[in-house]
Amino acid sequence: MTEVTNPVAVTTTGVVTTADIFISLIRWVAGASSVAGEACTVTDNNGTVFFSSTSTGANFIDANRFDTTLPVRGINVTSLPHGTLYIYFR
């Protein structure tokens, strides 16, 4: 089994995991090269969006802390034009 660090740092689109996981926080740090209107989108295995954010420009940061951990079946980053997406799990 591959050891997973917490948080998971994602820099490209694609499947992060297909397993059941409980998420406590998602944070997108878009970075200096981000421009207004770029979007970061994360879905589960069924394509249901559980995080979506639109950049307002360079050095944009957005986060969603879930009051209770969010149970999801799989994580797929479908859009991540710039920066790093941090996924914190339980």
PDB file of N, CA and C in Angstrom:
ATOM      1  N   MET A   1       0.844  -1.184   0.000  1.00  0.00           N
ATOM      2  CA  MET A   1       0.000   0.000   0.000  1.00  0.00           C
ATOM      3  C   MET A   1       0.884   1.240   0.000  1.00  0.00           C
ATOM      4  N   THR A   2       0.517   2.225  -0.823  1.00  0.00           N
ATOM      5  CA  THR A   2       1.243   3.478  -0.892  1.00  0.00           C
ATOM      6  C   THR A   2       0.844   4.357   0.277  1.00  0.00           C
ATOM      7  N   GLU A   3       1.821   4.931   0.944  1.00  0.00           N
ATOM      8  CA  GLU A   3       1.525   5.827   2.060  1.00  0.00           C
ATOM      9  C   GLU A   3       1.029   7.160   1.512  1.00  0.00           C
ATOM     10  N   VAL A   4      -0.046   7.664   2.086  1.00  0.00           N
ATOM     11  CA  VAL A   4      -0.638   8.926   1.656  1.00  0.00           C
ATOM     12  C   VAL A   4      -0.409   9.953   2.744  1.00  0.00           C
ATOM     13  N   THR A   5       0.089  11.118   2.344  1.00  0.00           N
ATOM     14  CA  THR A   5       0.297  12.191   3.314  1.00  0.00           C
ATOM     15  C   THR A   5      -0.970  13.017   3.440  1.00  0.00           C
ATOM     16  N   ASN A   6      -1.121  13.708   4.538  1.00  0.00           N
ATOM     17  CA  ASN A   6      -2.284  14.554   4.779  1.00  0.00           C
ATOM     18  C   ASN A   6      -1.784  15.963   5.027  1.00  0.00           C
ATOM     19  N   PRO A   7      -2.047  16.915   4.154  1.00  0.00           N
ATOM     20  CA  PRO A   7      -2.980  16.821   3.035  1.00  0.00           C
ATOM     21  C   PRO A   7      -2.339  16.202   1.794  1.00  0.00           C
ATOM     22  N   VAL A   8      -3.219  15.807   0.883  1.00  0.00           N
ATOM     23  CA  VAL A   8      -2.770  15.393  -0.437  1.00  0.00           C
ATOM     24  C   VAL A   8      -2.644  16.663  -1.264  1.00  0.00           C
ATOM     25  N   ALA A   9      -1.504  16.866  -1.902  1.00  0.00           N
ATOM     26  CA  ALA A   9      -1.274  18.038  -2.753  1.00  0.00           C
ATOM     27  C   ALA A   9      -1.420  17.610  -4.205  1.00  0.00           C
ATOM     28  N   VAL A  10      -2.368  18.226  -4.911  1.00  0.00           N
ATOM     29  CA  VAL A  10      -2.664  17.863  -6.291  1.00  0.00           C
ATOM     30  C   VAL A  10      -2.298  19.038  -7.199  1.00  0.00           C
ATOM     31  N   THR A  11      -1.542  18.757  -8.276  1.00  0.00           N
ATOM     32  CA  THR A  11      -1.137  19.822  -9.200  1.00  0.00           C
ATOM     33  C   THR A  11      -1.588  19.572 -10.634  1.00  0.00           C
ATOM     34  N   THR A  12      -2.248  18.440 -10.884  1.00  0.00           N
ATOM     35  CA  THR A  12      -2.747  18.132 -12.226  1.00  0.00           C
ATOM     36  C   THR A  12      -4.155  17.555 -12.125  1.00  0.00           C
ATOM     37  N   THR A  13      -4.870  17.580 -13.233  1.00  0.00           N
ATOM     38  CA  THR A  13      -6.208  16.990 -13.253  1.00  0.00           C
ATOM     39  C   THR A  13      -6.100  15.469 -13.308  1.00  0.00           C
ATOM     40  N   GLY A  14      -7.173  14.819 -12.917  1.00  0.00           N
ATOM     41  CA  GLY A  14      -7.233  13.371 -12.984  1.00  0.00           C
ATOM     42  C   GLY A  14      -7.781  12.761 -11.708  1.00  0.00           C
ATOM     43  N   VAL A  15      -7.783  11.450 -11.674  1.00  0.00           N
ATOM     44  CA  VAL A  15      -8.303  10.701 -10.532  1.00  0.00           C
ATOM     45  C   VAL A  15      -7.261  10.699  -9.417  1.00  0.00           C
ATOM     46  N   VAL A  16      -7.670  11.166  -8.236  1.00  0.00           N
ATOM     47  CA  VAL A  16      -6.804  11.152  -7.054  1.00  0.00           C
ATOM     48  C   VAL A  16      -6.951   9.815  -6.347  1.00  0.00           C
ATOM     49  N   THR A  17      -8.197   9.357  -6.202  1.00  0.00           N
ATOM     50  CA  THR A  17      -8.490   8.052  -5.612  1.00  0.00           C
ATOM     51  C   THR A  17      -9.886   7.627  -6.041  1.00  0.00           C
ATOM     52  N   THR A  18     -10.119   6.321  -6.058  1.00  0.00           N
ATOM     53  CA  THR A  18     -11.465   5.803  -6.312  1.00  0.00           C
ATOM     54  C   THR A  18     -12.082   5.256  -5.026  1.00  0.00           C
ATOM     55  N   ALA A  19     -11.328   5.324  -3.938  1.00  0.00           N
ATOM     56  CA  ALA A  19     -11.773   4.780  -2.653  1.00  0.00           C
ATOM     57  C   ALA A  19     -12.745   5.721  -1.942  1.00  0.00           C
ATOM     58  N   ASP A  20     -13.454   5.172  -0.961  1.00  0.00           N
ATOM     59  CA  ASP A  20     -14.288   5.984  -0.071  1.00  0.00           C
ATOM     60  C   ASP A  20     -13.349   6.763   0.842  1.00  0.00           C
ATOM     61  N   ILE A  21     -13.633   8.049   1.017  1.00  0.00           N
ATOM     62  CA  ILE A  21     -12.758   8.903   1.821  1.00  0.00           C
ATOM     63  C   ILE A  21     -13.601   9.972   2.504  1.00  0.00           C
ATOM     64  N   PHE A  22     -13.137  10.462   3.633  1.00  0.00           N
ATOM     65  CA  PHE A  22     -13.824  11.521   4.367  1.00  0.00           C
ATOM     66  C   PHE A  22     -12.969  12.780   4.292  1.00  0.00           C
ATOM     67  N   ILE A  23     -13.520  13.841   3.725  1.00  0.00           N
ATOM     68  CA  ILE A  23     -12.778  15.085   3.517  1.00  0.00           C
ATOM     69  C   ILE A  23     -13.174  16.102   4.574  1.00  0.00           C
ATOM     70  N   SER A  24     -12.174  16.756   5.177  1.00  0.00           N
ATOM     71  CA  SER A  24     -12.456  17.803   6.160  1.00  0.00           C
ATOM     72  C   SER A  24     -12.235  19.205   5.602  1.00  0.00           C
ATOM     73  N   LEU A  25     -11.321  19.343   4.615  1.00  0.00           N
ATOM     74  CA  LEU A  25     -11.004  20.662   4.060  1.00  0.00           C
ATOM     75  C   LEU A  25     -10.435  20.502   2.662  1.00  0.00           C
ATOM     76  N   ILE A  26     -10.846  21.388   1.756  1.00  0.00           N
ATOM     77  CA  ILE A  26     -10.242  21.502   0.426  1.00  0.00           C
ATOM     78  C   ILE A  26      -9.791  22.944   0.270  1.00  0.00           C
ATOM     79  N   ARG A  27      -8.537  23.124  -0.176  1.00  0.00           N
ATOM     80  CA  ARG A  27      -7.979  24.477  -0.316  1.00  0.00           C
ATOM     81  C   ARG A  27      -7.265  24.572  -1.653  1.00  0.00           C
ATOM     82  N   TRP A  28      -7.665  25.585  -2.459  1.00  0.00           N
ATOM     83  CA  TRP A  28      -7.018  25.825  -3.747  1.00  0.00           C
ATOM     84  C   TRP A  28      -6.163  27.067  -3.640  1.00  0.00           C
ATOM     85  N   VAL A  29      -4.863  26.923  -3.873  1.00  0.00           N
ATOM     86  CA  VAL A  29      -3.924  28.040  -3.927  1.00  0.00           C
ATOM     87  C   VAL A  29      -3.544  28.180  -5.393  1.00  0.00           C
ATOM     88  N   ALA A  30      -4.170  29.148  -6.069  1.00  0.00           N
ATOM     89  CA  ALA A  30      -4.056  29.241  -7.525  1.00  0.00           C
ATOM     90  C   ALA A  30      -2.683  29.713  -7.997  1.00  0.00           C
ATOM     91  N   GLY A  31      -2.021  30.532  -7.223  1.00  0.00           N
ATOM     92  CA  GLY A  31      -0.672  30.958  -7.576  1.00  0.00           C
ATOM     93  C   GLY A  31      -0.610  32.242  -8.380  1.00  0.00           C
ATOM     94  N   ALA A  32       0.600  32.707  -8.589  1.00  0.00           N
ATOM     95  CA  ALA A  32       0.842  34.000  -9.233  1.00  0.00           C
ATOM     96  C   ALA A  32       0.435  34.024 -10.700  1.00  0.00           C
ATOM     97  N   SER A  33       0.418  32.871 -11.366  1.00  0.00           N
ATOM     98  CA  SER A  33       0.100  32.853 -12.793  1.00  0.00           C
ATOM     99  C   SER A  33      -1.395  32.715 -13.074  1.00  0.00           C
ATOM    100  N   SER A  34      -2.205  32.621 -12.046  1.00  0.00           N
ATOM    101  CA  SER A  34      -3.647  32.498 -12.227  1.00  0.00           C
ATOM    102  C   SER A  34      -4.248  33.815 -12.723  1.00  0.00           C
ATOM    103  N   VAL A  35      -5.268  33.683 -13.579  1.00  0.00           N
ATOM    104  CA  VAL A  35      -5.987  34.858 -14.064  1.00  0.00           C
ATOM    105  C   VAL A  35      -7.464  34.720 -13.704  1.00  0.00           C
ATOM    106  N   ALA A  36      -8.146  35.843 -13.655  1.00  0.00           N
ATOM    107  CA  ALA A  36      -9.565  35.849 -13.310  1.00  0.00           C
ATOM    108  C   ALA A  36     -10.355  34.957 -14.262  1.00  0.00           C
ATOM    109  N   GLY A  37     -11.277  34.199 -13.686  1.00  0.00           N
ATOM    110  CA  GLY A  37     -12.166  33.355 -14.463  1.00  0.00           C
ATOM    111  C   GLY A  37     -11.753  31.898 -14.550  1.00  0.00           C
ATOM    112  N   GLU A  38     -10.529  31.569 -14.130  1.00  0.00           N
ATOM    113  CA  GLU A  38     -10.117  30.166 -14.137  1.00  0.00           C
ATOM    114  C   GLU A  38     -10.877  29.418 -13.046  1.00  0.00           C
ATOM    115  N   ALA A  39     -11.206  28.163 -13.328  1.00  0.00           N
ATOM    116  CA  ALA A  39     -12.016  27.398 -12.388  1.00  0.00           C
ATOM    117  C   ALA A  39     -11.310  26.118 -11.960  1.00  0.00           C
ATOM    118  N   CYS A  40     -11.505  25.780 -10.697  1.00  0.00           N
ATOM    119  CA  CYS A  40     -11.043  24.511 -10.137  1.00  0.00           C
ATOM    120  C   CYS A  40     -12.294  23.729  -9.751  1.00  0.00           C
ATOM    121  N   THR A  41     -12.393  22.493 -10.236  1.00  0.00           N
ATOM    122  CA  THR A  41     -13.574  21.679  -9.985  1.00  0.00           C
ATOM    123  C   THR A  41     -13.158  20.280  -9.549  1.00  0.00           C
ATOM    124  N   VAL A  42     -13.842  19.768  -8.501  1.00  0.00           N
ATOM    125  CA  VAL A  42     -13.558  18.424  -7.982  1.00  0.00           C
ATOM    126  C   VAL A  42     -14.875  17.669  -7.879  1.00  0.00           C
ATOM    127  N   THR A  43     -14.861  16.427  -8.363  1.00  0.00           N
ATOM    128  CA  THR A  43     -16.064  15.589  -8.340  1.00  0.00           C
ATOM    129  C   THR A  43     -15.773  14.252  -7.655  1.00  0.00           C
ATOM    130  N   ASP A  44     -16.859  13.513  -7.390  1.00  0.00           N
ATOM    131  CA  ASP A  44     -16.708  12.144  -6.905  1.00  0.00           C
ATOM    132  C   ASP A  44     -16.727  11.198  -8.107  1.00  0.00           C
ATOM    133  N   ASN A  45     -16.725   9.888  -7.858  1.00  0.00           N
ATOM    134  CA  ASN A  45     -16.718   8.901  -8.948  1.00  0.00           C
ATOM    135  C   ASN A  45     -17.923   9.013  -9.869  1.00  0.00           C
ATOM    136  N   ASN A  46     -19.043   9.520  -9.361  1.00  0.00           N
ATOM    137  CA  ASN A  46     -20.267   9.647 -10.155  1.00  0.00           C
ATOM    138  C   ASN A  46     -20.360  10.964 -10.911  1.00  0.00           C
ATOM    139  N   GLY A  47     -19.357  11.833 -10.765  1.00  0.00           N
ATOM    140  CA  GLY A  47     -19.373  13.118 -11.453  1.00  0.00           C
ATOM    141  C   GLY A  47     -20.076  14.218 -10.678  1.00  0.00           C
ATOM    142  N   THR A  48     -20.455  13.944  -9.429  1.00  0.00           N
ATOM    143  CA  THR A  48     -21.109  14.956  -8.597  1.00  0.00           C
ATOM    144  C   THR A  48     -20.059  15.936  -8.076  1.00  0.00           C
ATOM    145  N   VAL A  49     -20.263  17.219  -8.355  1.00  0.00           N
ATOM    146  CA  VAL A  49     -19.319  18.256  -7.926  1.00  0.00           C
ATOM    147  C   VAL A  49     -19.470  18.492  -6.431  1.00  0.00           C
ATOM    148  N   PHE A  50     -18.350  18.428  -5.684  1.00  0.00           N
ATOM    149  CA  PHE A  50     -18.410  18.776  -4.261  1.00  0.00           C
ATOM    150  C   PHE A  50     -17.461  19.912  -3.914  1.00  0.00           C
ATOM    151  N   PHE A  51     -16.686  20.393  -4.894  1.00  0.00           N
ATOM    152  CA  PHE A  51     -15.899  21.619  -4.722  1.00  0.00           C
ATOM    153  C   PHE A  51     -15.756  22.284  -6.075  1.00  0.00           C
ATOM    154  N   SER A  52     -16.066  23.583  -6.110  1.00  0.00           N
ATOM    155  CA  SER A  52     -15.906  24.368  -7.323  1.00  0.00           C
ATOM    156  C   SER A  52     -15.567  25.793  -6.916  1.00  0.00           C
ATOM    157  N   SER A  53     -14.585  26.361  -7.587  1.00  0.00           N
ATOM    158  CA  SER A  53     -14.160  27.713  -7.245  1.00  0.00           C
ATOM    159  C   SER A  53     -13.680  28.407  -8.514  1.00  0.00           C
ATOM    160  N   THR A  54     -13.893  29.714  -8.586  1.00  0.00           N
ATOM    161  CA  THR A  54     -13.450  30.502  -9.731  1.00  0.00           C
ATOM    162  C   THR A  54     -12.506  31.591  -9.255  1.00  0.00           C
ATOM    163  N   SER A  55     -11.331  31.637  -9.863  1.00  0.00           N
ATOM    164  CA  SER A  55     -10.289  32.586  -9.486  1.00  0.00           C
ATOM    165  C   SER A  55     -10.681  34.024  -9.828  1.00  0.00           C
ATOM    166  N   THR A  56     -10.257  34.947  -8.988  1.00  0.00           N
ATOM    167  CA  THR A  56     -10.446  36.367  -9.272  1.00  0.00           C
ATOM    168  C   THR A  56      -9.150  37.006  -9.775  1.00  0.00           C
ATOM    169  N   GLY A  57      -8.075  36.207  -9.884  1.00  0.00           N
ATOM    170  CA  GLY A  57      -6.805  36.730 -10.390  1.00  0.00           C
ATOM    171  C   GLY A  57      -5.615  36.097  -9.705  1.00  0.00           C
ATOM    172  N   ALA A  58      -4.463  36.708  -9.894  1.00  0.00           N
ATOM    173  CA  ALA A  58      -3.201  36.182  -9.365  1.00  0.00           C
ATOM    174  C   ALA A  58      -3.258  36.018  -7.844  1.00  0.00           C
ATOM    175  N   ASN A  59      -2.602  34.971  -7.363  1.00  0.00           N
ATOM    176  CA  ASN A  59      -2.481  34.653  -5.937  1.00  0.00           C
ATOM    177  C   ASN A  59      -3.819  34.396  -5.246  1.00  0.00           C
ATOM    178  N   PHE A  60      -4.802  33.949  -6.005  1.00  0.00           N
ATOM    179  CA  PHE A  60      -6.129  33.628  -5.476  1.00  0.00           C
ATOM    180  C   PHE A  60      -6.049  32.389  -4.583  1.00  0.00           C
ATOM    181  N   ILE A  61      -6.759  32.430  -3.461  1.00  0.00           N
ATOM    182  CA  ILE A  61      -6.860  31.290  -2.547  1.00  0.00           C
ATOM    183  C   ILE A  61      -8.317  31.131  -2.146  1.00  0.00           C
ATOM    184  N   ASP A  62      -8.803  29.897  -2.176  1.00  0.00           N
ATOM    185  CA  ASP A  62     -10.160  29.603  -1.729  1.00  0.00           C
ATOM    186  C   ASP A  62     -10.138  28.279  -0.981  1.00  0.00           C
ATOM    187  N   ALA A  63     -11.024  28.154  -0.013  1.00  0.00           N
ATOM    188  CA  ALA A  63     -11.089  26.923   0.762  1.00  0.00           C
ATOM    189  C   ALA A  63     -12.519  26.644   1.183  1.00  0.00           C
ATOM    190  N   ASN A  64     -12.790  25.379   1.405  1.00  0.00           N
ATOM    191  CA  ASN A  64     -14.078  24.960   1.934  1.00  0.00           C
ATOM    192  C   ASN A  64     -13.816  23.974   3.066  1.00  0.00           C
ATOM    193  N   ARG A  65     -14.141  24.393   4.280  1.00  0.00           N
ATOM    194  CA  ARG A  65     -14.031  23.501   5.439  1.00  0.00           C
ATOM    195  C   ARG A  65     -15.427  22.935   5.685  1.00  0.00           C
ATOM    196  N   PHE A  66     -15.518  21.626   5.764  1.00  0.00           N
ATOM    197  CA  PHE A  66     -16.797  20.971   5.968  1.00  0.00           C
ATOM    198  C   PHE A  66     -17.064  20.856   7.462  1.00  0.00           C
ATOM    199  N   ASP A  67     -18.266  21.269   7.898  1.00  0.00           N
ATOM    200  CA  ASP A  67     -18.629  21.239   9.317  1.00  0.00           C
ATOM    201  C   ASP A  67     -18.449  19.848   9.904  1.00  0.00           C
ATOM    202  N   THR A  68     -18.886  18.872   9.171  1.00  0.00           N
ATOM    203  CA  THR A  68     -18.596  17.483   9.507  1.00  0.00           C
ATOM    204  C   THR A  68     -17.821  16.946   8.314  1.00  0.00           C
ATOM    205  N   THR A  69     -17.025  15.940   8.507  1.00  0.00           N
ATOM    206  CA  THR A  69     -16.262  15.432   7.379  1.00  0.00           C
ATOM    207  C   THR A  69     -17.206  14.960   6.281  1.00  0.00           C
ATOM    208  N   LEU A  70     -16.850  15.279   5.052  1.00  0.00           N
ATOM    209  CA  LEU A  70     -17.683  14.954   3.902  1.00  0.00           C
ATOM    210  C   LEU A  70     -17.301  13.577   3.371  1.00  0.00           C
ATOM    211  N   PRO A  71     -18.229  12.621   3.434  1.00  0.00           N
ATOM    212  CA  PRO A  71     -17.910  11.315   2.870  1.00  0.00           C
ATOM    213  C   PRO A  71     -18.092  11.345   1.356  1.00  0.00           C
ATOM    214  N   VAL A  72     -17.082  10.950   0.610  1.00  0.00           N
ATOM    215  CA  VAL A  72     -17.185  10.885  -0.845  1.00  0.00           C
ATOM    216  C   VAL A  72     -16.650   9.544  -1.323  1.00  0.00           C
ATOM    217  N   ARG A  73     -17.153   9.123  -2.441  1.00  0.00           N
ATOM    218  CA  ARG A  73     -16.672   7.885  -3.078  1.00  0.00           C
ATOM    219  C   ARG A  73     -15.817   8.296  -4.261  1.00  0.00           C
ATOM    220  N   GLY A  74     -14.522   8.437  -3.996  1.00  0.00           N
ATOM    221  CA  GLY A  74     -13.577   8.816  -5.036  1.00  0.00           C
ATOM    222  C   GLY A  74     -13.404  10.312  -5.156  1.00  0.00           C
ATOM    223  N   ILE A  75     -12.241  10.708  -5.647  1.00  0.00           N
ATOM    224  CA  ILE A  75     -11.928  12.122  -5.870  1.00  0.00           C
ATOM    225  C   ILE A  75     -11.341  12.251  -7.264  1.00  0.00           C
ATOM    226  N   ASN A  76     -11.953  13.113  -8.082  1.00  0.00           N
ATOM    227  CA  ASN A  76     -11.490  13.363  -9.438  1.00  0.00           C
ATOM    228  C   ASN A  76     -11.378  14.873  -9.635  1.00  0.00           C
ATOM    229  N   VAL A  77     -10.192  15.354  -9.894  1.00  0.00           N
ATOM    230  CA  VAL A  77      -9.982  16.777 -10.166  1.00  0.00           C
ATOM    231  C   VAL A  77     -10.195  16.964 -11.663  1.00  0.00           C
ATOM    232  N   THR A  78     -11.295  17.622 -12.029  1.00  0.00           N
ATOM    233  CA  THR A  78     -11.642  17.763 -13.444  1.00  0.00           C
ATOM    234  C   THR A  78     -11.128  19.054 -14.054  1.00  0.00           C
ATOM    235  N   SER A  79     -10.808  20.043 -13.218  1.00  0.00           N
ATOM    236  CA  SER A  79     -10.269  21.306 -13.719  1.00  0.00           C
ATOM    237  C   SER A  79      -9.326  21.894 -12.674  1.00  0.00           C
ATOM    238  N   LEU A  80      -8.103  22.169 -13.082  1.00  0.00           N
ATOM    239  CA  LEU A  80      -7.102  22.781 -12.203  1.00  0.00           C
ATOM    240  C   LEU A  80      -6.065  23.480 -13.093  1.00  0.00           C
ATOM    241  N   PRO A  81      -6.400  24.702 -13.554  1.00  0.00           N
ATOM    242  CA  PRO A  81      -5.537  25.369 -14.525  1.00  0.00           C
ATOM    243  C   PRO A  81      -4.186  25.828 -13.965  1.00  0.00           C
ATOM    244  N   HIS A  82      -4.145  26.230 -12.728  1.00  0.00           N
ATOM    245  CA  HIS A  82      -2.910  26.695 -12.092  1.00  0.00           C
ATOM    246  C   HIS A  82      -2.918  26.339 -10.611  1.00  0.00           C
ATOM    247  N   GLY A  83      -1.723  26.268 -10.034  1.00  0.00           N
ATOM    248  CA  GLY A  83      -1.599  26.149  -8.594  1.00  0.00           C
ATOM    249  C   GLY A  83      -1.699  24.740  -8.052  1.00  0.00           C
ATOM    250  N   THR A  84      -2.010  24.686  -6.764  1.00  0.00           N
ATOM    251  CA  THR A  84      -2.069  23.424  -6.039  1.00  0.00           C
ATOM    252  C   THR A  84      -3.383  23.332  -5.281  1.00  0.00           C
ATOM    253  N   LEU A  85      -3.986  22.150  -5.336  1.00  0.00           N
ATOM    254  CA  LEU A  85      -5.199  21.859  -4.583  1.00  0.00           C
ATOM    255  C   LEU A  85      -4.802  20.962  -3.428  1.00  0.00           C
ATOM    256  N   TYR A  86      -5.105  21.404  -2.208  1.00  0.00           N
ATOM    257  CA  TYR A  86      -4.791  20.625  -1.003  1.00  0.00           C
ATOM    258  C   TYR A  86      -6.072  19.980  -0.499  1.00  0.00           C
ATOM    259  N   ILE A  87      -6.042  18.663  -0.330  1.00  0.00           N
ATOM    260  CA  ILE A  87      -7.204  17.923   0.150  1.00  0.00           C
ATOM    261  C   ILE A  87      -6.845  17.307   1.490  1.00  0.00           C
ATOM    262  N   TYR A  88      -7.527  17.763   2.538  1.00  0.00           N
ATOM    263  CA  TYR A  88      -7.312  17.261   3.899  1.00  0.00           C
ATOM    264  C   TYR A  88      -8.393  16.235   4.195  1.00  0.00           C
ATOM    265  N   PHE A  89      -8.001  15.111   4.729  1.00  0.00           N
ATOM    266  CA  PHE A  89      -8.956  14.037   4.991  1.00  0.00           C
ATOM    267  C   PHE A  89      -8.816  13.513   6.404  1.00  0.00           C
ATOM    268  N   ARG A  90      -9.818  12.764   6.801  1.00  0.00           N
ATOM    269  CA  ARG A  90      -9.833  12.147   8.126  1.00  0.00           C
ATOM    270  C   ARG A  90      -9.398  10.721   8.011  1.00  0.00           C
TER     271      ARG A  90
END
